[in-house]
N, C-alpha and C. Protein backbone atom coordinates (compact mmCIF):
# COMPACT_ATOMS: atom_id res chain seq x y z
N MET A 1 -76.09 -176.35 -29.05
CA MET A 1 -75.54 -177.72 -28.98
C MET A 1 -74.81 -178.03 -30.27
N PRO A 2 -73.54 -178.38 -30.14
CA PRO A 2 -72.76 -178.63 -31.35
C PRO A 2 -73.17 -179.92 -32.05
N ARG A 3 -73.15 -179.95 -33.35
CA ARG A 3 -73.49 -181.11 -34.12
C ARG A 3 -72.22 -181.80 -34.54
N GLN A 4 -71.65 -182.57 -33.66
CA GLN A 4 -70.43 -183.27 -33.98
C GLN A 4 -70.57 -184.71 -33.49
N THR A 5 -70.10 -185.60 -34.35
CA THR A 5 -70.13 -187.00 -33.96
C THR A 5 -68.86 -187.30 -33.22
N THR A 6 -68.95 -187.97 -32.07
CA THR A 6 -67.77 -188.27 -31.31
C THR A 6 -67.38 -189.71 -31.62
N PHE A 7 -66.15 -189.97 -31.86
CA PHE A 7 -65.64 -191.26 -32.15
C PHE A 7 -64.83 -191.77 -30.95
N ALA A 8 -64.99 -193.00 -30.63
CA ALA A 8 -64.21 -193.60 -29.54
C ALA A 8 -62.75 -193.76 -29.94
N LYS A 9 -61.88 -193.63 -28.97
CA LYS A 9 -60.46 -193.88 -29.22
C LYS A 9 -60.05 -195.11 -28.38
N ASN A 10 -58.94 -195.73 -28.70
CA ASN A 10 -58.51 -196.91 -27.99
C ASN A 10 -58.35 -196.78 -26.52
N GLY A 11 -57.88 -195.63 -26.06
CA GLY A 11 -57.68 -195.42 -24.60
C GLY A 11 -58.96 -195.11 -23.87
N ASP A 12 -60.03 -194.70 -24.54
CA ASP A 12 -61.24 -194.30 -23.94
C ASP A 12 -62.16 -195.43 -23.49
N ILE A 13 -61.95 -196.62 -24.03
CA ILE A 13 -62.89 -197.76 -23.82
C ILE A 13 -62.40 -198.55 -22.63
N THR A 14 -63.27 -198.87 -21.69
CA THR A 14 -62.99 -199.77 -20.61
C THR A 14 -63.75 -201.06 -20.94
N LYS A 15 -62.99 -202.14 -21.05
CA LYS A 15 -63.58 -203.45 -21.41
C LYS A 15 -64.03 -204.17 -20.13
N SER A 16 -65.20 -204.67 -20.17
CA SER A 16 -65.73 -205.48 -19.06
C SER A 16 -65.74 -206.94 -19.50
N TRP A 17 -66.03 -207.82 -18.51
CA TRP A 17 -66.08 -209.22 -18.78
C TRP A 17 -67.56 -209.64 -18.68
N ARG A 18 -68.01 -210.42 -19.74
CA ARG A 18 -69.43 -210.87 -19.73
C ARG A 18 -69.40 -212.40 -19.68
N HIS A 19 -70.44 -212.98 -19.08
CA HIS A 19 -70.55 -214.44 -18.97
C HIS A 19 -71.78 -214.92 -19.63
N ILE A 20 -71.70 -216.02 -20.35
CA ILE A 20 -72.88 -216.66 -20.89
C ILE A 20 -72.80 -218.17 -20.58
N ASP A 21 -73.95 -218.69 -20.12
CA ASP A 21 -74.08 -220.11 -19.85
C ASP A 21 -74.71 -220.77 -21.08
N ALA A 22 -74.02 -221.67 -21.72
CA ALA A 22 -74.48 -222.28 -22.96
C ALA A 22 -75.47 -223.44 -22.74
N ASP A 23 -75.81 -223.68 -21.52
CA ASP A 23 -76.69 -224.82 -21.24
C ASP A 23 -78.10 -224.58 -21.84
N GLY A 24 -78.48 -225.38 -22.83
CA GLY A 24 -79.75 -225.27 -23.48
C GLY A 24 -79.86 -224.16 -24.54
N GLN A 25 -78.81 -223.45 -24.80
CA GLN A 25 -78.79 -222.37 -25.76
C GLN A 25 -78.69 -222.95 -27.19
N VAL A 26 -79.34 -222.38 -28.17
CA VAL A 26 -79.17 -222.72 -29.56
C VAL A 26 -77.90 -222.13 -30.09
N LEU A 27 -77.09 -222.90 -30.77
CA LEU A 27 -75.72 -222.52 -31.17
C LEU A 27 -75.73 -221.19 -31.98
N GLY A 28 -76.44 -221.10 -33.02
CA GLY A 28 -76.44 -219.91 -33.92
C GLY A 28 -76.91 -218.65 -33.21
N ARG A 29 -78.00 -218.75 -32.48
CA ARG A 29 -78.53 -217.62 -31.77
C ARG A 29 -77.57 -217.11 -30.70
N MET A 30 -76.93 -218.02 -30.00
CA MET A 30 -75.98 -217.64 -28.98
C MET A 30 -74.73 -217.01 -29.63
N ALA A 31 -74.30 -217.55 -30.77
CA ALA A 31 -73.12 -217.00 -31.45
C ALA A 31 -73.36 -215.58 -31.97
N VAL A 32 -74.58 -215.26 -32.36
CA VAL A 32 -74.91 -213.86 -32.77
C VAL A 32 -74.72 -212.90 -31.62
N GLN A 33 -75.23 -213.33 -30.45
CA GLN A 33 -75.11 -212.42 -29.27
C GLN A 33 -73.68 -212.23 -28.86
N ILE A 34 -72.88 -213.34 -28.91
CA ILE A 34 -71.48 -213.25 -28.54
C ILE A 34 -70.69 -212.40 -29.51
N ALA A 35 -70.98 -212.52 -30.79
CA ALA A 35 -70.26 -211.71 -31.80
C ALA A 35 -70.61 -210.21 -31.69
N THR A 36 -71.85 -209.90 -31.36
CA THR A 36 -72.31 -208.55 -31.13
C THR A 36 -71.54 -207.90 -29.95
N VAL A 37 -71.34 -208.61 -28.88
CA VAL A 37 -70.64 -208.13 -27.70
C VAL A 37 -69.15 -207.99 -28.02
N LEU A 38 -68.54 -209.00 -28.73
CA LEU A 38 -67.15 -208.91 -29.08
C LEU A 38 -66.82 -207.77 -29.96
N MET A 39 -67.75 -207.36 -30.85
CA MET A 39 -67.54 -206.29 -31.74
C MET A 39 -67.79 -204.93 -31.07
N GLY A 40 -68.57 -204.94 -29.98
CA GLY A 40 -68.89 -203.72 -29.34
C GLY A 40 -70.15 -203.03 -29.79
N LYS A 41 -70.96 -203.72 -30.64
CA LYS A 41 -72.14 -203.08 -31.18
C LYS A 41 -73.28 -202.95 -30.12
N HIS A 42 -73.08 -203.48 -28.93
CA HIS A 42 -74.05 -203.32 -27.85
C HIS A 42 -73.85 -202.00 -27.12
N ARG A 43 -72.77 -201.24 -27.42
CA ARG A 43 -72.43 -199.97 -26.79
C ARG A 43 -72.85 -198.84 -27.58
N PRO A 44 -73.31 -197.74 -26.88
CA PRO A 44 -73.71 -196.54 -27.59
C PRO A 44 -72.49 -195.82 -28.23
N GLU A 45 -71.30 -196.07 -27.75
CA GLU A 45 -70.12 -195.40 -28.30
C GLU A 45 -69.41 -196.28 -29.33
N TYR A 46 -70.12 -197.26 -29.93
CA TYR A 46 -69.54 -198.13 -30.95
C TYR A 46 -68.93 -197.30 -32.10
N THR A 47 -67.71 -197.66 -32.46
CA THR A 47 -67.01 -197.03 -33.56
C THR A 47 -66.44 -198.13 -34.42
N PRO A 48 -66.70 -198.13 -35.75
CA PRO A 48 -66.30 -199.26 -36.54
C PRO A 48 -64.81 -199.53 -36.62
N HIS A 49 -63.99 -198.50 -36.51
CA HIS A 49 -62.55 -198.75 -36.67
C HIS A 49 -61.80 -198.90 -35.34
N VAL A 50 -62.52 -199.01 -34.24
CA VAL A 50 -61.92 -199.21 -32.92
C VAL A 50 -62.58 -200.42 -32.25
N ASP A 51 -61.81 -201.25 -31.63
CA ASP A 51 -62.32 -202.43 -30.98
C ASP A 51 -62.94 -202.02 -29.65
N THR A 52 -64.27 -201.84 -29.64
CA THR A 52 -64.99 -201.36 -28.47
C THR A 52 -65.68 -202.52 -27.70
N GLY A 53 -65.38 -203.74 -28.10
CA GLY A 53 -66.08 -204.90 -27.49
C GLY A 53 -65.57 -205.34 -26.11
N ASP A 54 -66.31 -206.19 -25.47
CA ASP A 54 -66.00 -206.69 -24.16
C ASP A 54 -65.45 -208.15 -24.30
N PHE A 55 -64.91 -208.63 -23.22
CA PHE A 55 -64.51 -210.04 -23.12
C PHE A 55 -65.74 -210.87 -22.89
N VAL A 56 -65.80 -212.12 -23.40
CA VAL A 56 -66.91 -213.02 -23.20
C VAL A 56 -66.38 -214.34 -22.71
N VAL A 57 -66.94 -214.87 -21.64
CA VAL A 57 -66.60 -216.17 -21.12
C VAL A 57 -67.84 -217.07 -21.30
N VAL A 58 -67.68 -218.20 -22.02
CA VAL A 58 -68.79 -219.15 -22.27
C VAL A 58 -68.48 -220.41 -21.48
N THR A 59 -69.42 -220.82 -20.65
CA THR A 59 -69.33 -222.06 -19.91
C THR A 59 -70.35 -223.02 -20.34
N ASN A 60 -70.15 -224.30 -19.90
CA ASN A 60 -71.04 -225.41 -20.28
C ASN A 60 -71.18 -225.57 -21.77
N ALA A 61 -70.09 -225.54 -22.50
CA ALA A 61 -70.13 -225.61 -23.96
C ALA A 61 -70.63 -226.96 -24.45
N GLU A 62 -70.49 -228.02 -23.62
CA GLU A 62 -70.92 -229.34 -24.13
C GLU A 62 -72.44 -229.44 -24.07
N ARG A 63 -73.17 -228.52 -23.52
CA ARG A 63 -74.60 -228.57 -23.40
C ARG A 63 -75.29 -227.68 -24.43
N VAL A 64 -74.58 -227.16 -25.43
CA VAL A 64 -75.20 -226.32 -26.46
C VAL A 64 -76.11 -227.19 -27.30
N VAL A 65 -77.15 -226.55 -27.85
CA VAL A 65 -78.18 -227.30 -28.60
C VAL A 65 -78.08 -226.85 -30.06
N VAL A 66 -78.28 -227.88 -30.98
CA VAL A 66 -78.40 -227.62 -32.40
C VAL A 66 -79.74 -228.18 -32.82
N THR A 67 -80.50 -227.39 -33.61
CA THR A 67 -81.83 -227.80 -33.94
C THR A 67 -81.88 -228.69 -35.21
N GLY A 68 -82.98 -229.37 -35.37
CA GLY A 68 -83.23 -230.16 -36.59
C GLY A 68 -82.32 -231.34 -36.68
N ARG A 69 -81.99 -231.73 -37.93
CA ARG A 69 -81.13 -232.89 -38.19
C ARG A 69 -79.70 -232.46 -38.45
N LYS A 70 -79.32 -231.27 -38.02
CA LYS A 70 -77.94 -230.78 -38.24
C LYS A 70 -76.87 -231.68 -37.61
N PRO A 71 -77.13 -232.27 -36.44
CA PRO A 71 -76.03 -233.11 -35.90
C PRO A 71 -75.63 -234.25 -36.79
N GLU A 72 -76.57 -234.77 -37.56
CA GLU A 72 -76.24 -235.92 -38.46
C GLU A 72 -75.82 -235.47 -39.84
N GLN A 73 -76.49 -234.35 -40.30
CA GLN A 73 -76.32 -233.97 -41.72
C GLN A 73 -75.17 -233.00 -41.96
N ARG A 74 -74.91 -232.06 -41.09
CA ARG A 74 -73.90 -231.07 -41.26
C ARG A 74 -72.53 -231.68 -41.02
N MET A 75 -71.61 -231.45 -41.96
CA MET A 75 -70.24 -231.98 -41.84
C MET A 75 -69.30 -230.86 -41.54
N ILE A 76 -68.38 -231.17 -40.63
CA ILE A 76 -67.29 -230.24 -40.30
C ILE A 76 -66.08 -230.76 -41.03
N MET A 77 -65.47 -229.92 -41.87
CA MET A 77 -64.32 -230.34 -42.67
C MET A 77 -63.06 -229.50 -42.28
N ARG A 78 -61.97 -230.23 -42.17
CA ARG A 78 -60.64 -229.59 -41.89
C ARG A 78 -59.69 -230.12 -42.92
N TYR A 79 -58.82 -229.26 -43.47
CA TYR A 79 -57.89 -229.65 -44.46
C TYR A 79 -56.45 -229.37 -43.96
N SER A 80 -55.63 -230.32 -43.95
CA SER A 80 -54.24 -230.09 -43.44
C SER A 80 -53.36 -229.41 -44.41
N GLY A 81 -53.72 -229.34 -45.68
CA GLY A 81 -52.86 -228.72 -46.68
C GLY A 81 -52.06 -229.74 -47.48
N TYR A 82 -52.12 -230.99 -47.10
CA TYR A 82 -51.38 -232.05 -47.78
C TYR A 82 -52.41 -232.86 -48.62
N PRO A 83 -51.92 -233.50 -49.70
CA PRO A 83 -52.83 -234.36 -50.46
C PRO A 83 -53.45 -235.47 -49.62
N GLY A 84 -54.74 -235.59 -49.68
CA GLY A 84 -55.45 -236.58 -48.89
C GLY A 84 -55.61 -236.15 -47.49
N GLY A 85 -55.41 -234.90 -47.18
CA GLY A 85 -55.48 -234.44 -45.75
C GLY A 85 -56.83 -233.85 -45.39
N LEU A 86 -57.90 -234.17 -46.11
CA LEU A 86 -59.24 -233.68 -45.77
C LEU A 86 -59.86 -234.56 -44.69
N LYS A 87 -60.26 -233.98 -43.59
CA LYS A 87 -60.86 -234.79 -42.53
C LYS A 87 -62.30 -234.30 -42.37
N LYS A 88 -63.26 -235.25 -42.39
CA LYS A 88 -64.63 -234.94 -42.29
C LYS A 88 -65.21 -235.56 -40.98
N ARG A 89 -66.09 -234.82 -40.36
CA ARG A 89 -66.69 -235.32 -39.15
C ARG A 89 -68.08 -234.68 -39.07
N SER A 90 -69.11 -235.41 -38.61
CA SER A 90 -70.38 -234.76 -38.45
C SER A 90 -70.40 -233.74 -37.32
N LEU A 91 -71.36 -232.85 -37.39
CA LEU A 91 -71.46 -231.86 -36.27
C LEU A 91 -71.71 -232.47 -34.95
N GLY A 92 -72.51 -233.59 -34.96
CA GLY A 92 -72.75 -234.24 -33.67
C GLY A 92 -71.51 -234.88 -33.03
N GLU A 93 -70.63 -235.43 -33.90
CA GLU A 93 -69.38 -236.01 -33.41
C GLU A 93 -68.46 -234.93 -32.88
N GLU A 94 -68.41 -233.79 -33.63
CA GLU A 94 -67.60 -232.67 -33.22
C GLU A 94 -68.04 -232.03 -31.88
N LEU A 95 -69.38 -231.97 -31.72
CA LEU A 95 -69.90 -231.46 -30.45
C LEU A 95 -69.57 -232.37 -29.29
N GLU A 96 -69.48 -233.67 -29.51
CA GLU A 96 -69.13 -234.56 -28.45
C GLU A 96 -67.62 -234.44 -28.07
N LYS A 97 -66.79 -234.32 -29.07
CA LYS A 97 -65.32 -234.32 -28.83
C LYS A 97 -64.78 -232.92 -28.54
N HIS A 98 -65.16 -231.92 -29.29
CA HIS A 98 -64.61 -230.54 -29.16
C HIS A 98 -65.74 -229.56 -29.22
N PRO A 99 -66.58 -229.38 -28.22
CA PRO A 99 -67.67 -228.40 -28.27
C PRO A 99 -67.15 -226.96 -28.28
N GLU A 100 -65.97 -226.75 -27.65
CA GLU A 100 -65.40 -225.38 -27.62
C GLU A 100 -65.07 -224.96 -29.05
N ARG A 101 -64.55 -225.84 -29.85
CA ARG A 101 -64.09 -225.53 -31.22
C ARG A 101 -65.31 -225.19 -32.07
N VAL A 102 -66.44 -225.86 -31.83
CA VAL A 102 -67.67 -225.55 -32.59
C VAL A 102 -68.17 -224.14 -32.32
N ILE A 103 -68.17 -223.74 -31.03
CA ILE A 103 -68.67 -222.44 -30.65
C ILE A 103 -67.69 -221.37 -31.16
N GLU A 104 -66.41 -221.57 -31.03
CA GLU A 104 -65.45 -220.58 -31.49
C GLU A 104 -65.51 -220.39 -33.02
N THR A 105 -65.69 -221.46 -33.74
CA THR A 105 -65.81 -221.36 -35.23
C THR A 105 -67.07 -220.62 -35.62
N ALA A 106 -68.22 -220.90 -34.92
CA ALA A 106 -69.46 -220.20 -35.28
C ALA A 106 -69.35 -218.71 -34.96
N VAL A 107 -68.67 -218.30 -33.90
CA VAL A 107 -68.53 -216.91 -33.61
C VAL A 107 -67.51 -216.25 -34.54
N ARG A 108 -66.38 -216.96 -34.86
CA ARG A 108 -65.35 -216.41 -35.73
C ARG A 108 -65.90 -216.09 -37.10
N ARG A 109 -66.79 -216.85 -37.59
CA ARG A 109 -67.35 -216.64 -38.92
C ARG A 109 -68.32 -215.45 -38.93
N MET A 110 -68.72 -214.95 -37.81
CA MET A 110 -69.62 -213.78 -37.73
C MET A 110 -68.86 -212.50 -37.52
N LEU A 111 -67.56 -212.60 -37.25
CA LEU A 111 -66.74 -211.42 -37.03
C LEU A 111 -66.10 -210.94 -38.34
N PRO A 112 -65.57 -209.69 -38.38
CA PRO A 112 -64.87 -209.23 -39.54
C PRO A 112 -63.68 -210.04 -39.89
N LYS A 113 -63.41 -210.18 -41.19
CA LYS A 113 -62.25 -210.99 -41.58
C LYS A 113 -61.04 -210.03 -41.77
N THR A 114 -60.66 -209.33 -40.73
CA THR A 114 -59.54 -208.38 -40.77
C THR A 114 -58.69 -208.55 -39.57
N ARG A 115 -57.69 -207.75 -39.46
CA ARG A 115 -56.80 -207.73 -38.29
C ARG A 115 -57.59 -207.52 -37.03
N MET A 116 -58.53 -206.62 -37.08
CA MET A 116 -59.34 -206.32 -35.93
C MET A 116 -60.22 -207.51 -35.55
N GLY A 117 -60.73 -208.27 -36.53
CA GLY A 117 -61.50 -209.40 -36.24
C GLY A 117 -60.69 -210.51 -35.55
N ARG A 118 -59.45 -210.66 -35.90
CA ARG A 118 -58.54 -211.62 -35.25
C ARG A 118 -58.24 -211.15 -33.85
N ALA A 119 -58.23 -209.88 -33.56
CA ALA A 119 -58.08 -209.40 -32.21
C ALA A 119 -59.32 -209.60 -31.40
N MET A 120 -60.49 -209.49 -32.04
CA MET A 120 -61.73 -209.69 -31.34
C MET A 120 -61.92 -211.14 -30.86
N ILE A 121 -61.59 -212.04 -31.68
CA ILE A 121 -61.80 -213.55 -31.33
C ILE A 121 -60.90 -213.93 -30.15
N LYS A 122 -59.83 -213.19 -29.90
CA LYS A 122 -58.98 -213.49 -28.78
C LYS A 122 -59.64 -213.15 -27.44
N LYS A 123 -60.70 -212.35 -27.49
CA LYS A 123 -61.42 -211.92 -26.26
C LYS A 123 -62.49 -212.99 -25.94
N LEU A 124 -62.61 -214.00 -26.67
CA LEU A 124 -63.57 -215.07 -26.40
C LEU A 124 -62.95 -216.24 -25.71
N LYS A 125 -63.46 -216.65 -24.54
CA LYS A 125 -62.96 -217.74 -23.78
C LYS A 125 -64.09 -218.76 -23.63
N VAL A 126 -63.86 -219.99 -24.15
CA VAL A 126 -64.94 -221.02 -24.12
C VAL A 126 -64.40 -222.18 -23.26
N TYR A 127 -65.30 -222.67 -22.34
CA TYR A 127 -64.97 -223.79 -21.48
C TYR A 127 -66.03 -224.85 -21.56
N ARG A 128 -65.60 -226.09 -21.55
CA ARG A 128 -66.48 -227.24 -21.64
C ARG A 128 -67.42 -227.33 -20.39
N GLY A 129 -66.87 -227.19 -19.18
CA GLY A 129 -67.70 -227.30 -17.99
C GLY A 129 -68.05 -225.96 -17.42
N SER A 130 -68.47 -225.92 -16.16
CA SER A 130 -68.90 -224.71 -15.52
C SER A 130 -67.77 -223.98 -14.84
N GLU A 131 -66.63 -224.55 -14.74
CA GLU A 131 -65.48 -223.96 -14.10
C GLU A 131 -64.63 -223.17 -15.08
N HIS A 132 -64.20 -221.97 -14.63
CA HIS A 132 -63.31 -221.13 -15.46
C HIS A 132 -62.42 -220.32 -14.58
N PRO A 133 -61.28 -219.87 -15.02
CA PRO A 133 -60.32 -219.13 -14.16
C PRO A 133 -60.46 -217.66 -14.20
N HIS A 134 -61.63 -217.11 -14.56
CA HIS A 134 -61.76 -215.66 -14.82
C HIS A 134 -62.48 -214.93 -13.68
N GLY A 135 -62.54 -215.47 -12.56
CA GLY A 135 -63.16 -214.76 -11.44
C GLY A 135 -64.70 -214.90 -11.42
N ALA A 136 -65.30 -214.48 -10.30
CA ALA A 136 -66.69 -214.70 -10.13
C ALA A 136 -67.54 -213.45 -10.43
N ASN A 137 -66.91 -212.31 -10.61
CA ASN A 137 -67.65 -211.05 -10.76
C ASN A 137 -67.85 -210.70 -12.27
N LEU A 138 -68.43 -211.66 -13.03
CA LEU A 138 -68.69 -211.46 -14.48
C LEU A 138 -70.14 -210.99 -14.59
N GLU A 139 -70.34 -210.02 -15.49
CA GLU A 139 -71.67 -209.58 -15.81
C GLU A 139 -72.33 -210.62 -16.72
N PRO A 140 -73.58 -211.00 -16.41
CA PRO A 140 -74.26 -211.95 -17.33
C PRO A 140 -74.66 -211.32 -18.62
N LEU A 141 -74.53 -212.07 -19.67
CA LEU A 141 -74.91 -211.62 -20.97
C LEU A 141 -76.42 -212.01 -21.10
N ASN A 142 -77.21 -211.06 -21.48
CA ASN A 142 -78.64 -211.28 -21.53
C ASN A 142 -78.94 -212.25 -22.66
N ALA A 143 -79.05 -213.54 -22.29
CA ALA A 143 -79.27 -214.59 -23.30
C ALA A 143 -80.44 -215.44 -22.94
C-alpha cells in the first residue's frame, strides 16, 4: 500500500447544499457548525488550499437565540469612514431589524481572512423566514 497523501483538486469536489433551521439555535454554536461546513472540514478529503466546503441555507434567522444579557450589553458598531460616522446599536435591536446580518457576521468572523474566505462566505444564504428559493432537496445540517 503506497504511503501518499492525496490532496483534493478544484475539479474533484462536488458541492452539496445543506439546510439549517435557526429556530431556537444559539447563535455562536450554530455559526461554528456553519463555518465548519463552509470550509469543508466536515469532509474526509479536506484540503487547506482548496475550497472543499458545501453551500449552506439558513432559514428562520429571526428566531435565533442569544444567551445571557448579550442582547442589551453587546453593541454592534458600523463605521462609514467619515468623521462622526460611527453607528452603534445593541445586539437585540440588530436582531430585530437585520437578523440575517448578525448571522452572516458571526460566520464571516470564523472563516479565514483571505481570498478563499471571501469565496466561502458567498456560499452562505441566510433568510429571515422559512421560505427560500433553493429547492426542497437540501440535506439537513446536523444541528
